[in-house]
């Protein structure tokens, strides 16, 4: 499967700053879910 990528999309993908912010944003979302899901159980156990 090949996708046609426009020049603007390609430059966005190549931009390290955008990649960095995407990565931080995703990791923060995951951390929120993990901390929210496990924080309550930890508090109950301790």
Protein backbone atom coordinates (compact mmCIF):
# COMPACT_ATOMS: atom_id res chain seq x y z
CA UNK A 1 0.00 0.00 0.00
CA UNK A 2 1.47 3.29 -1.08
CA UNK A 3 0.14 6.64 0.04
CA UNK A 4 0.52 9.87 -1.86
CA UNK A 5 2.14 12.41 0.44
CA UNK A 6 1.95 16.10 -0.36
CA UNK A 7 4.99 18.31 0.00
CA UNK A 8 3.55 20.05 3.06
CA UNK A 9 2.80 16.71 4.74
CA UNK A 10 6.31 15.49 3.93
CA UNK A 11 7.95 18.56 5.40
CA UNK A 12 5.76 18.24 8.49
CA UNK A 13 6.86 14.63 8.91
CA UNK A 14 10.51 15.60 8.45
CA UNK A 15 10.31 18.41 11.01
CA UNK A 16 11.98 17.19 14.25
CA UNK A 17 10.23 19.83 16.36
CA UNK A 18 6.77 18.66 15.30
CA UNK A 19 7.80 15.04 15.89
CA UNK A 20 9.08 16.00 19.33
CA UNK A 21 5.86 17.77 20.33
CA UNK A 22 3.75 14.91 18.95
CA UNK A 23 5.78 12.44 21.00
CA UNK A 24 5.50 14.52 24.20
CA UNK A 25 1.78 15.05 23.67
CA UNK A 26 1.17 11.32 23.19
CA UNK A 27 3.35 10.32 26.14
CA UNK A 28 1.55 12.84 28.36
CA UNK A 29 -1.82 11.40 27.34
CA UNK A 30 -0.58 7.88 28.09
CA UNK A 31 0.90 8.98 31.42
CA UNK A 32 -2.40 10.62 32.36
CA UNK A 33 -4.31 7.41 31.63
CA UNK A 34 -1.78 5.23 33.45
CA UNK A 35 -1.48 7.54 36.46
CA UNK A 36 -5.25 8.02 36.65
CA UNK A 37 -5.94 4.29 36.31
CA UNK A 38 -3.31 3.05 38.76
CA UNK A 39 -3.11 5.97 41.18
CA UNK A 40 -6.45 5.15 42.79
CA UNK A 41 -5.59 1.47 43.31
CA UNK A 42 -2.21 2.35 44.81
CA UNK A 43 -3.84 4.72 47.27
CA UNK A 44 -6.29 2.02 48.38
CA UNK A 45 -3.53 -0.56 48.87
CA UNK A 46 -1.27 1.79 50.85
